[in-house]
PDB file of N, CA and C in Angstrom:
ATOM      1  N   MET A   1     -34.072 -42.532 -74.770  1.00  0.00           N
ATOM      2  CA  MET A   1     -34.172 -41.368 -75.605  1.00  0.00           C
ATOM      3  C   MET A   1     -33.149 -41.486 -76.721  1.00  0.00           C
ATOM      4  N   SER A   2     -33.587 -41.294 -77.961  1.00  0.00           N
ATOM      5  CA  SER A   2     -32.658 -41.383 -79.072  1.00  0.00           C
ATOM      6  C   SER A   2     -31.976 -40.043 -79.290  1.00  0.00           C
ATOM      7  N   THR A   3     -30.778 -40.097 -79.813  1.00  0.00           N
ATOM      8  CA  THR A   3     -30.022 -38.884 -80.085  1.00  0.00           C
ATOM      9  C   THR A   3     -29.583 -38.892 -81.538  1.00  0.00           C
ATOM     10  N   GLN A   4     -29.316 -37.722 -82.095  1.00  0.00           N
ATOM     11  CA  GLN A   4     -28.862 -37.626 -83.464  1.00  0.00           C
ATOM     12  C   GLN A   4     -27.430 -38.100 -83.582  1.00  0.00           C
ATOM     13  N   ALA A   5     -27.156 -38.769 -84.662  1.00  0.00           N
ATOM     14  CA  ALA A   5     -25.795 -39.192 -85.010  1.00  0.00           C
ATOM     15  C   ALA A   5     -25.102 -39.949 -83.882  1.00  0.00           C
ATOM     16  N   GLY A   6     -25.869 -40.653 -83.045  1.00  0.00           N
ATOM     17  CA  GLY A   6     -25.284 -41.470 -81.999  1.00  0.00           C
ATOM     18  C   GLY A   6     -24.670 -40.684 -80.858  1.00  0.00           C
ATOM     19  N   LEU A   7     -25.028 -39.423 -80.717  1.00  0.00           N
ATOM     20  CA  LEU A   7     -24.460 -38.605 -79.643  1.00  0.00           C
ATOM     21  C   LEU A   7     -25.246 -38.849 -78.369  1.00  0.00           C
ATOM     22  N   ALA A   8     -24.558 -39.198 -77.331  1.00  0.00           N
ATOM     23  CA  ALA A   8     -25.210 -39.472 -76.059  1.00  0.00           C
ATOM     24  C   ALA A   8     -25.296 -38.201 -75.228  1.00  0.00           C
ATOM     25  N   GLU A   9     -26.353 -38.114 -74.437  1.00  0.00           N
ATOM     26  CA  GLU A   9     -26.479 -36.987 -73.515  1.00  0.00           C
ATOM     27  C   GLU A   9     -25.402 -37.110 -72.446  1.00  0.00           C
ATOM     28  N   PRO A  10     -25.051 -35.978 -71.801  1.00  0.00           N
ATOM     29  CA  PRO A  10     -24.029 -36.061 -70.748  1.00  0.00           C
ATOM     30  C   PRO A  10     -24.484 -36.964 -69.612  1.00  0.00           C
ATOM     31  N   ALA A  11     -23.524 -37.672 -69.040  1.00  0.00           N
ATOM     32  CA  ALA A  11     -23.828 -38.555 -67.912  1.00  0.00           C
ATOM     33  C   ALA A  11     -24.309 -37.727 -66.725  1.00  0.00           C
ATOM     34  N   ARG A  12     -25.262 -38.272 -66.004  1.00  0.00           N
ATOM     35  CA  ARG A  12     -25.806 -37.563 -64.848  1.00  0.00           C
ATOM     36  C   ARG A  12     -25.644 -38.439 -63.609  1.00  0.00           C
ATOM     37  N   ASN A  13     -24.427 -38.499 -63.105  1.00  0.00           N
ATOM     38  CA  ASN A  13     -24.219 -39.256 -61.884  1.00  0.00           C
ATOM     39  C   ASN A  13     -23.535 -38.367 -60.858  1.00  0.00           C
ATOM     40  N   SER A  14     -23.649 -38.748 -59.623  1.00  0.00           N
ATOM     41  CA  SER A  14     -23.136 -37.908 -58.540  1.00  0.00           C
ATOM     42  C   SER A  14     -21.610 -37.852 -58.501  1.00  0.00           C
ATOM     43  N   GLU A  15     -20.930 -38.815 -59.138  1.00  0.00           N
ATOM     44  CA  GLU A  15     -19.474 -38.829 -59.131  1.00  0.00           C
ATOM     45  C   GLU A  15     -18.872 -37.875 -60.162  1.00  0.00           C
ATOM     46  N   GLN A  16     -19.677 -37.446 -61.143  1.00  0.00           N
ATOM     47  CA  GLN A  16     -19.183 -36.560 -62.183  1.00  0.00           C
ATOM     48  C   GLN A  16     -18.832 -35.193 -61.602  1.00  0.00           C
ATOM     49  N   ASN A  17     -17.765 -34.598 -62.109  1.00  0.00           N
ATOM     50  CA  ASN A  17     -17.353 -33.267 -61.676  1.00  0.00           C
ATOM     51  C   ASN A  17     -18.417 -32.269 -62.109  1.00  0.00           C
ATOM     52  N   THR A  18     -19.046 -31.607 -61.156  1.00  0.00           N
ATOM     53  CA  THR A  18     -20.120 -30.675 -61.460  1.00  0.00           C
ATOM     54  C   THR A  18     -19.651 -29.231 -61.437  1.00  0.00           C
ATOM     55  N   GLU A  19     -18.347 -29.011 -61.282  1.00  0.00           N
ATOM     56  CA  GLU A  19     -17.807 -27.656 -61.297  1.00  0.00           C
ATOM     57  C   GLU A  19     -17.976 -27.049 -62.693  1.00  0.00           C
ATOM     58  N   PRO A  20     -18.294 -25.755 -62.765  1.00  0.00           N
ATOM     59  CA  PRO A  20     -18.358 -25.110 -64.078  1.00  0.00           C
ATOM     60  C   PRO A  20     -17.003 -25.172 -64.787  1.00  0.00           C
ATOM     61  N   PHE A  21     -17.029 -25.186 -66.099  1.00  0.00           N
ATOM     62  CA  PHE A  21     -15.813 -25.262 -66.903  1.00  0.00           C
ATOM     63  C   PHE A  21     -15.974 -24.348 -68.106  1.00  0.00           C
ATOM     64  N   THR A  22     -14.932 -24.239 -68.899  1.00  0.00           N
ATOM     65  CA  THR A  22     -15.013 -23.494 -70.149  1.00  0.00           C
ATOM     66  C   THR A  22     -15.265 -24.494 -71.267  1.00  0.00           C
ATOM     67  N   ALA A  23     -16.421 -24.361 -71.912  1.00  0.00           N
ATOM     68  CA  ALA A  23     -16.763 -25.227 -73.040  1.00  0.00           C
ATOM     69  C   ALA A  23     -16.172 -24.617 -74.299  1.00  0.00           C
ATOM     70  N   CYS A  24     -15.495 -25.457 -75.093  1.00  0.00           N
ATOM     71  CA  CYS A  24     -14.845 -24.996 -76.320  1.00  0.00           C
ATOM     72  C   CYS A  24     -15.510 -25.672 -77.520  1.00  0.00           C
ATOM     73  N   PHE A  25     -15.795 -24.889 -78.543  1.00  0.00           N
ATOM     74  CA  PHE A  25     -16.450 -25.379 -79.750  1.00  0.00           C
ATOM     75  C   PHE A  25     -15.612 -24.958 -80.953  1.00  0.00           C
ATOM     76  N   SER A  26     -15.316 -25.889 -81.830  1.00  0.00           N
ATOM     77  CA  SER A  26     -14.634 -25.601 -83.077  1.00  0.00           C
ATOM     78  C   SER A  26     -15.597 -25.970 -84.200  1.00  0.00           C
ATOM     79  N   VAL A  27     -16.006 -24.969 -84.970  1.00  0.00           N
ATOM     80  CA  VAL A  27     -17.057 -25.147 -85.975  1.00  0.00           C
ATOM     81  C   VAL A  27     -16.478 -24.858 -87.356  1.00  0.00           C
ATOM     82  N   VAL A  28     -16.762 -25.752 -88.308  1.00  0.00           N
ATOM     83  CA  VAL A  28     -16.410 -25.538 -89.703  1.00  0.00           C
ATOM     84  C   VAL A  28     -17.714 -25.499 -90.481  1.00  0.00           C
ATOM     85  N   SER A  29     -17.896 -24.423 -91.245  1.00  0.00           N
ATOM     86  CA  SER A  29     -19.116 -24.285 -92.043  1.00  0.00           C
ATOM     87  C   SER A  29     -18.763 -23.767 -93.421  1.00  0.00           C
ATOM     88  N   GLY A  30     -19.762 -23.753 -94.272  1.00  0.00           N
ATOM     89  CA  GLY A  30     -19.587 -23.116 -95.571  1.00  0.00           C
ATOM     90  C   GLY A  30     -19.447 -21.624 -95.365  1.00  0.00           C
ATOM     91  N   SER A  31     -18.681 -20.980 -96.231  1.00  0.00           N
ATOM     92  CA  SER A  31     -18.480 -19.541 -96.131  1.00  0.00           C
ATOM     93  C   SER A  31     -19.676 -18.853 -96.772  1.00  0.00           C
ATOM     94  N   ASP A  32     -20.470 -18.201 -95.953  1.00  0.00           N
ATOM     95  CA  ASP A  32     -21.693 -17.539 -96.371  1.00  0.00           C
ATOM     96  C   ASP A  32     -21.820 -16.273 -95.537  1.00  0.00           C
ATOM     97  N   PRO A  33     -22.368 -15.194 -96.091  1.00  0.00           N
ATOM     98  CA  PRO A  33     -22.495 -13.966 -95.300  1.00  0.00           C
ATOM     99  C   PRO A  33     -23.282 -14.140 -93.997  1.00  0.00           C
ATOM    100  N   ASN A  34     -24.172 -15.122 -93.934  1.00  0.00           N
ATOM    101  CA  ASN A  34     -24.976 -15.345 -92.735  1.00  0.00           C
ATOM    102  C   ASN A  34     -24.400 -16.388 -91.793  1.00  0.00           C
ATOM    103  N   ALA A  35     -23.311 -17.025 -92.160  1.00  0.00           N
ATOM    104  CA  ALA A  35     -22.805 -18.156 -91.379  1.00  0.00           C
ATOM    105  C   ALA A  35     -22.456 -17.778 -89.946  1.00  0.00           C
ATOM    106  N   LEU A  36     -21.708 -16.696 -89.750  1.00  0.00           N
ATOM    107  CA  LEU A  36     -21.280 -16.341 -88.401  1.00  0.00           C
ATOM    108  C   LEU A  36     -22.469 -16.008 -87.506  1.00  0.00           C
ATOM    109  N   SER A  37     -23.429 -15.254 -88.014  1.00  0.00           N
ATOM    110  CA  SER A  37     -24.593 -14.925 -87.187  1.00  0.00           C
ATOM    111  C   SER A  37     -25.415 -16.163 -86.864  1.00  0.00           C
ATOM    112  N   ARG A  38     -25.492 -17.106 -87.784  1.00  0.00           N
ATOM    113  CA  ARG A  38     -26.220 -18.350 -87.509  1.00  0.00           C
ATOM    114  C   ARG A  38     -25.497 -19.207 -86.470  1.00  0.00           C
ATOM    115  N   ILE A  39     -24.175 -19.201 -86.503  1.00  0.00           N
ATOM    116  CA  ILE A  39     -23.398 -19.970 -85.532  1.00  0.00           C
ATOM    117  C   ILE A  39     -23.539 -19.368 -84.140  1.00  0.00           C
ATOM    118  N   LEU A  40     -23.647 -18.049 -84.033  1.00  0.00           N
ATOM    119  CA  LEU A  40     -23.813 -17.393 -82.735  1.00  0.00           C
ATOM    120  C   LEU A  40     -25.245 -17.481 -82.206  1.00  0.00           C
ATOM    121  N   GLU A  41     -26.197 -17.771 -83.069  1.00  0.00           N
ATOM    122  CA  GLU A  41     -27.607 -17.766 -82.679  1.00  0.00           C
ATOM    123  C   GLU A  41     -27.970 -18.708 -81.526  1.00  0.00           C
ATOM    124  N   PRO A  42     -27.466 -19.957 -81.484  1.00  0.00           N
ATOM    125  CA  PRO A  42     -27.813 -20.820 -80.341  1.00  0.00           C
ATOM    126  C   PRO A  42     -27.389 -20.226 -78.992  1.00  0.00           C
ATOM    127  N   PHE A  43     -26.294 -19.485 -78.967  1.00  0.00           N
ATOM    128  CA  PHE A  43     -25.857 -18.816 -77.741  1.00  0.00           C
ATOM    129  C   PHE A  43     -26.833 -17.689 -77.393  1.00  0.00           C
ATOM    130  N   THR A  44     -27.179 -16.891 -78.403  1.00  0.00           N
ATOM    131  CA  THR A  44     -28.073 -15.758 -78.214  1.00  0.00           C
ATOM    132  C   THR A  44     -29.439 -16.205 -77.710  1.00  0.00           C
ATOM    133  N   LYS A  45     -29.961 -17.287 -78.258  1.00  0.00           N
ATOM    134  CA  LYS A  45     -31.274 -17.792 -77.846  1.00  0.00           C
ATOM    135  C   LYS A  45     -31.306 -18.174 -76.371  1.00  0.00           C
ATOM    136  N   ARG A  46     -30.161 -18.537 -75.821  1.00  0.00           N
ATOM    137  CA  ARG A  46     -30.076 -18.911 -74.407  1.00  0.00           C
ATOM    138  C   ARG A  46     -29.606 -17.754 -73.526  1.00  0.00           C
ATOM    139  N   GLY A  47     -29.414 -16.590 -74.117  1.00  0.00           N
ATOM    140  CA  GLY A  47     -28.951 -15.433 -73.354  1.00  0.00           C
ATOM    141  C   GLY A  47     -27.506 -15.542 -72.921  1.00  0.00           C
ATOM    142  N   LEU A  48     -26.699 -16.263 -73.696  1.00  0.00           N
ATOM    143  CA  LEU A  48     -25.295 -16.496 -73.359  1.00  0.00           C
ATOM    144  C   LEU A  48     -24.380 -15.697 -74.282  1.00  0.00           C
ATOM    145  N   THR A  49     -23.326 -15.156 -73.726  1.00  0.00           N
ATOM    146  CA  THR A  49     -22.318 -14.454 -74.519  1.00  0.00           C
ATOM    147  C   THR A  49     -21.026 -15.258 -74.448  1.00  0.00           C
ATOM    148  N   PRO A  50     -20.540 -15.748 -75.599  1.00  0.00           N
ATOM    149  CA  PRO A  50     -19.272 -16.482 -75.575  1.00  0.00           C
ATOM    150  C   PRO A  50     -18.152 -15.611 -75.006  1.00  0.00           C
ATOM    151  N   SER A  51     -17.248 -16.228 -74.267  1.00  0.00           N
ATOM    152  CA  SER A  51     -16.120 -15.496 -73.704  1.00  0.00           C
ATOM    153  C   SER A  51     -15.008 -15.312 -74.731  1.00  0.00           C
ATOM    154  N   HIS A  52     -15.062 -16.066 -75.820  1.00  0.00           N
ATOM    155  CA  HIS A  52     -14.042 -15.979 -76.863  1.00  0.00           C
ATOM    156  C   HIS A  52     -14.681 -16.385 -78.182  1.00  0.00           C
ATOM    157  N   VAL A  53     -14.460 -15.581 -79.226  1.00  0.00           N
ATOM    158  CA  VAL A  53     -14.909 -15.929 -80.583  1.00  0.00           C
ATOM    159  C   VAL A  53     -13.786 -15.567 -81.548  1.00  0.00           C
ATOM    160  N   TYR A  54     -13.401 -16.522 -82.366  1.00  0.00           N
ATOM    161  CA  TYR A  54     -12.382 -16.291 -83.377  1.00  0.00           C
ATOM    162  C   TYR A  54     -12.881 -16.920 -84.669  1.00  0.00           C
ATOM    163  N   ALA A  55     -12.932 -16.144 -85.742  1.00  0.00           N
ATOM    164  CA  ALA A  55     -13.425 -16.657 -87.016  1.00  0.00           C
ATOM    165  C   ALA A  55     -12.484 -16.279 -88.142  1.00  0.00           C
ATOM    166  N   MET A  56     -12.312 -17.216 -89.076  1.00  0.00           N
ATOM    167  CA  MET A  56     -11.510 -16.921 -90.267  1.00  0.00           C
ATOM    168  C   MET A  56     -11.959 -17.806 -91.417  1.00  0.00           C
ATOM    169  N   ARG A  57     -11.823 -17.273 -92.608  1.00  0.00           N
ATOM    170  CA  ARG A  57     -12.150 -18.046 -93.796  1.00  0.00           C
ATOM    171  C   ARG A  57     -10.977 -18.946 -94.136  1.00  0.00           C
ATOM    172  N   GLY A  58     -11.276 -20.110 -94.677  1.00  0.00           N
ATOM    173  CA  GLY A  58     -10.235 -21.057 -95.034  1.00  0.00           C
ATOM    174  C   GLY A  58     -10.531 -21.714 -96.365  1.00  0.00           C
ATOM    175  N   GLY A  59      -9.709 -22.645 -96.721  1.00  0.00           N
ATOM    176  CA  GLY A  59      -9.844 -23.321 -98.004  1.00  0.00           C
ATOM    177  C   GLY A  59      -9.075 -22.571 -99.069  1.00  0.00           C
ATOM    178  N   GLU A  60      -8.915 -23.184-100.206  1.00  0.00           N
ATOM    179  CA  GLU A  60      -8.136 -22.580-101.294  1.00  0.00           C
ATOM    180  C   GLU A  60      -8.745 -21.277-101.790  1.00  0.00           C
ATOM    181  N   GLN A  61     -10.082 -21.201-101.814  1.00  0.00           N
ATOM    182  CA  GLN A  61     -10.741 -20.001-102.313  1.00  0.00           C
ATOM    183  C   GLN A  61     -11.677 -19.396-101.270  1.00  0.00           C
ATOM    184  N   GLY A  62     -11.389 -19.659-100.007  1.00  0.00           N
ATOM    185  CA  GLY A  62     -12.202 -19.102 -98.940  1.00  0.00           C
ATOM    186  C   GLY A  62     -13.595 -19.682 -98.858  1.00  0.00           C
ATOM    187  N   GLU A  63     -13.747 -20.945 -99.216  1.00  0.00           N
ATOM    188  CA  GLU A  63     -15.063 -21.566 -99.257  1.00  0.00           C
ATOM    189  C   GLU A  63     -15.551 -22.089 -97.905  1.00  0.00           C
ATOM    190  N   THR A  64     -14.699 -22.085 -96.898  1.00  0.00           N
ATOM    191  CA  THR A  64     -15.123 -22.528 -95.568  1.00  0.00           C
ATOM    192  C   THR A  64     -14.885 -21.420 -94.547  1.00  0.00           C
ATOM    193  N   LEU A  65     -15.627 -21.503 -93.475  1.00  0.00           N
ATOM    194  CA  LEU A  65     -15.477 -20.586 -92.354  1.00  0.00           C
ATOM    195  C   LEU A  65     -15.145 -21.419 -91.131  1.00  0.00           C
ATOM    196  N   HIS A  66     -14.072 -21.077 -90.435  1.00  0.00           N
ATOM    197  CA  HIS A  66     -13.652 -21.772 -89.220  1.00  0.00           C
ATOM    198  C   HIS A  66     -13.926 -20.842 -88.046  1.00  0.00           C
ATOM    199  N   VAL A  67     -14.724 -21.300 -87.092  1.00  0.00           N
ATOM    200  CA  VAL A  67     -15.077 -20.475 -85.941  1.00  0.00           C
ATOM    201  C   VAL A  67     -14.748 -21.241 -84.670  1.00  0.00           C
ATOM    202  N   ASP A  68     -13.943 -20.638 -83.810  1.00  0.00           N
ATOM    203  CA  ASP A  68     -13.643 -21.201 -82.498  1.00  0.00           C
ATOM    204  C   ASP A  68     -14.342 -20.337 -81.466  1.00  0.00           C
ATOM    205  N   LEU A  69     -15.121 -20.979 -80.583  1.00  0.00           N
ATOM    206  CA  LEU A  69     -15.855 -20.276 -79.538  1.00  0.00           C
ATOM    207  C   LEU A  69     -15.554 -20.903 -78.201  1.00  0.00           C
ATOM    208  N   GLN A  70     -15.582 -20.087 -77.150  1.00  0.00           N
ATOM    209  CA  GLN A  70     -15.443 -20.590 -75.783  1.00  0.00           C
ATOM    210  C   GLN A  70     -16.561 -19.967 -74.948  1.00  0.00           C
ATOM    211  N   LEU A  71     -17.094 -20.759 -74.045  1.00  0.00           N
ATOM    212  CA  LEU A  71     -18.133 -20.299 -73.131  1.00  0.00           C
ATOM    213  C   LEU A  71     -17.680 -20.617 -71.709  1.00  0.00           C
ATOM    214  N   ALA A  72     -17.256 -19.579 -70.987  1.00  0.00           N
ATOM    215  CA  ALA A  72     -16.801 -19.753 -69.607  1.00  0.00           C
ATOM    216  C   ALA A  72     -17.997 -19.980 -68.695  1.00  0.00           C
ATOM    217  N   GLY A  73     -17.791 -20.783 -67.644  1.00  0.00           N
ATOM    218  CA  GLY A  73     -18.839 -21.035 -66.658  1.00  0.00           C
ATOM    219  C   GLY A  73     -19.941 -21.944 -67.149  1.00  0.00           C
ATOM    220  N   ALA A  74     -19.630 -22.808 -68.100  1.00  0.00           N
ATOM    221  CA  ALA A  74     -20.627 -23.706 -68.683  1.00  0.00           C
ATOM    222  C   ALA A  74     -20.835 -24.940 -67.812  1.00  0.00           C
ATOM    223  N   ASP A  75     -21.938 -25.620 -68.042  1.00  0.00           N
ATOM    224  CA  ASP A  75     -22.175 -26.929 -67.435  1.00  0.00           C
ATOM    225  C   ASP A  75     -22.327 -27.939 -68.573  1.00  0.00           C
ATOM    226  N   ALA A  76     -22.241 -29.208 -68.260  1.00  0.00           N
ATOM    227  CA  ALA A  76     -22.239 -30.262 -69.282  1.00  0.00           C
ATOM    228  C   ALA A  76     -23.516 -30.258 -70.121  1.00  0.00           C
ATOM    229  N   ASP A  77     -24.659 -30.039 -69.510  1.00  0.00           N
ATOM    230  CA  ASP A  77     -25.926 -30.058 -70.232  1.00  0.00           C
ATOM    231  C   ASP A  77     -25.998 -28.916 -71.246  1.00  0.00           C
ATOM    232  N   THR A  78     -25.615 -27.725 -70.837  1.00  0.00           N
ATOM    233  CA  THR A  78     -25.642 -26.570 -71.741  1.00  0.00           C
ATOM    234  C   THR A  78     -24.672 -26.769 -72.899  1.00  0.00           C
ATOM    235  N   ALA A  79     -23.467 -27.247 -72.616  1.00  0.00           N
ATOM    236  CA  ALA A  79     -22.472 -27.487 -73.663  1.00  0.00           C
ATOM    237  C   ALA A  79     -22.979 -28.524 -74.661  1.00  0.00           C
ATOM    238  N   TRP A  80     -23.604 -29.581 -74.173  1.00  0.00           N
ATOM    239  CA  TRP A  80     -24.134 -30.641 -75.036  1.00  0.00           C
ATOM    240  C   TRP A  80     -25.237 -30.091 -75.929  1.00  0.00           C
ATOM    241  N   ARG A  81     -26.140 -29.316 -75.360  1.00  0.00           N
ATOM    242  CA  ARG A  81     -27.247 -28.743 -76.134  1.00  0.00           C
ATOM    243  C   ARG A  81     -26.755 -27.753 -77.184  1.00  0.00           C
ATOM    244  N   LEU A  82     -25.787 -26.910 -76.820  1.00  0.00           N
ATOM    245  CA  LEU A  82     -25.222 -25.971 -77.788  1.00  0.00           C
ATOM    246  C   LEU A  82     -24.565 -26.714 -78.952  1.00  0.00           C
ATOM    247  N   ALA A  83     -23.783 -27.742 -78.645  1.00  0.00           N
ATOM    248  CA  ALA A  83     -23.107 -28.513 -79.695  1.00  0.00           C
ATOM    249  C   ALA A  83     -24.129 -29.149 -80.637  1.00  0.00           C
ATOM    250  N   ASN A  84     -25.195 -29.705 -80.091  1.00  0.00           N
ATOM    251  CA  ASN A  84     -26.219 -30.316 -80.940  1.00  0.00           C
ATOM    252  C   ASN A  84     -26.940 -29.278 -81.784  1.00  0.00           C
ATOM    253  N   ASP A  85     -27.214 -28.101 -81.215  1.00  0.00           N
ATOM    254  CA  ASP A  85     -27.833 -27.029 -81.994  1.00  0.00           C
ATOM    255  C   ASP A  85     -26.915 -26.596 -83.131  1.00  0.00           C
ATOM    256  N   LEU A  86     -25.621 -26.478 -82.853  1.00  0.00           N
ATOM    257  CA  LEU A  86     -24.667 -26.096 -83.892  1.00  0.00           C
ATOM    258  C   LEU A  86     -24.606 -27.150 -84.995  1.00  0.00           C
ATOM    259  N   ARG A  87     -24.623 -28.420 -84.621  1.00  0.00           N
ATOM    260  CA  ARG A  87     -24.572 -29.503 -85.611  1.00  0.00           C
ATOM    261  C   ARG A  87     -25.814 -29.521 -86.490  1.00  0.00           C
ATOM    262  N   GLY A  88     -26.914 -28.972 -86.001  1.00  0.00           N
ATOM    263  CA  GLY A  88     -28.159 -28.957 -86.761  1.00  0.00           C
ATOM    264  C   GLY A  88     -28.276 -27.818 -87.756  1.00  0.00           C
ATOM    265  N   LEU A  89     -27.343 -26.895 -87.758  1.00  0.00           N
ATOM    266  CA  LEU A  89     -27.396 -25.773 -88.692  1.00  0.00           C
ATOM    267  C   LEU A  89     -27.039 -26.243 -90.097  1.00  0.00           C
ATOM    268  N   TRP A  90     -27.759 -25.755 -91.090  1.00  0.00           N
ATOM    269  CA  TRP A  90     -27.591 -26.273 -92.451  1.00  0.00           C
ATOM    270  C   TRP A  90     -26.234 -25.958 -93.064  1.00  0.00           C
ATOM    271  N   LEU A  91     -25.579 -24.903 -92.684  1.00  0.00           N
ATOM    272  CA  LEU A  91     -24.265 -24.583 -93.237  1.00  0.00           C
ATOM    273  C   LEU A  91     -23.121 -25.330 -92.572  1.00  0.00           C
ATOM    274  N   VAL A  92     -23.365 -25.833 -91.361  1.00  0.00           N
ATOM    275  CA  VAL A  92     -22.289 -26.412 -90.548  1.00  0.00           C
ATOM    276  C   VAL A  92     -21.907 -27.805 -91.045  1.00  0.00           C
ATOM    277  N   GLN A  93     -20.603 -27.995 -91.223  1.00  0.00           N
ATOM    278  CA  GLN A  93     -20.078 -29.283 -91.671  1.00  0.00           C
ATOM    279  C   GLN A  93     -19.543 -30.114 -90.510  1.00  0.00           C
ATOM    280  N   THR A  94     -18.877 -29.456 -89.552  1.00  0.00           N
ATOM    281  CA  THR A  94     -18.236 -30.156 -88.442  1.00  0.00           C
ATOM    282  C   THR A  94     -18.312 -29.323 -87.176  1.00  0.00           C
ATOM    283  N   VAL A  95     -18.561 -29.991 -86.039  1.00  0.00           N
ATOM    284  CA  VAL A  95     -18.491 -29.341 -84.730  1.00  0.00           C
ATOM    285  C   VAL A  95     -17.678 -30.245 -83.814  1.00  0.00           C
ATOM    286  N   LEU A  96     -16.567 -29.729 -83.316  1.00  0.00           N
ATOM    287  CA  LEU A  96     -15.748 -30.441 -82.338  1.00  0.00           C
ATOM    288  C   LEU A  96     -15.892 -29.732 -81.002  1.00  0.00           C
ATOM    289  N   THR A  97     -15.907 -30.486 -79.916  1.00  0.00           N
ATOM    290  CA  THR A  97     -16.048 -29.885 -78.590  1.00  0.00           C
ATOM    291  C   THR A  97     -14.936 -30.363 -77.676  1.00  0.00           C
ATOM    292  N   SER A  98     -14.621 -29.522 -76.695  1.00  0.00           N
ATOM    293  CA  SER A  98     -13.677 -29.902 -75.649  1.00  0.00           C
ATOM    294  C   SER A  98     -13.985 -29.057 -74.427  1.00  0.00           C
ATOM    295  N   GLU A  99     -13.303 -29.369 -73.326  1.00  0.00           N
ATOM    296  CA  GLU A  99     -13.507 -28.658 -72.062  1.00  0.00           C
ATOM    297  C   GLU A  99     -12.174 -28.184 -71.526  1.00  0.00           C
ATOM    298  N   LYS A 100     -12.179 -27.021 -70.912  1.00  0.00           N
ATOM    299  CA  LYS A 100     -11.010 -26.538 -70.162  1.00  0.00           C
ATOM    300  C   LYS A 100     -11.442 -26.412 -68.713  1.00  0.00           C
ATOM    301  N   ARG A 101     -10.693 -27.056 -67.840  1.00  0.00           N
ATOM    302  CA  ARG A 101     -10.965 -27.002 -66.413  1.00  0.00           C
ATOM    303  C   ARG A 101      -9.712 -26.523 -65.691  1.00  0.00           C
ATOM    304  N   THR A 102      -9.913 -25.896 -64.547  1.00  0.00           N
ATOM    305  CA  THR A 102      -8.762 -25.504 -63.749  1.00  0.00           C
ATOM    306  C   THR A 102      -8.206 -26.732 -63.045  1.00  0.00           C
ATOM    307  N   ALA A 103      -6.917 -26.723 -62.805  1.00  0.00           N
ATOM    308  CA  ALA A 103      -6.281 -27.849 -62.126  1.00  0.00           C
ATOM    309  C   ALA A 103      -6.750 -27.894 -60.674  1.00  0.00           C
ATOM    310  N   GLU A 104      -7.019 -29.093 -60.204  1.00  0.00           N
ATOM    311  CA  GLU A 104      -7.423 -29.250 -58.811  1.00  0.00           C
ATOM    312  C   GLU A 104      -6.217 -29.073 -57.891  1.00  0.00           C
ATOM    313  N   ARG A 105      -6.440 -28.364 -56.815  1.00  0.00           N
ATOM    314  CA  ARG A 105      -5.364 -28.157 -55.840  1.00  0.00           C
ATOM    315  C   ARG A 105      -5.394 -29.253 -54.809  1.00  0.00           C
ATOM    316  N   ILE A 106      -4.231 -29.704 -54.429  1.00  0.00           N
ATOM    317  CA  ILE A 106      -4.136 -30.789 -53.435  1.00  0.00           C
ATOM    318  C   ILE A 106      -3.977 -30.197 -52.057  1.00  0.00           C
TER     319      ILE A 106
END
């Protein structure tokens, strides 16, 4: 299966940690009145409410919008699909992703 921009689907092996985690997305887009609602749309389409949303305009004249989102209780497949949907939005310039997991107890 081919993927856009060389992005691979999440690995599906039994050794992978399958515990839910908090998926973090950092999105940079053009500053447009519709940008924030378009960035939230992939979550809405899946019936998901981000646990954290922070948005601010940036650049010398406010020409970019920086949005940080977190989705608690995510799985790798959902996080991957959301990131790809965000990257496909016409206003979006950059999408960075990361994960927050709780420390394992010994």
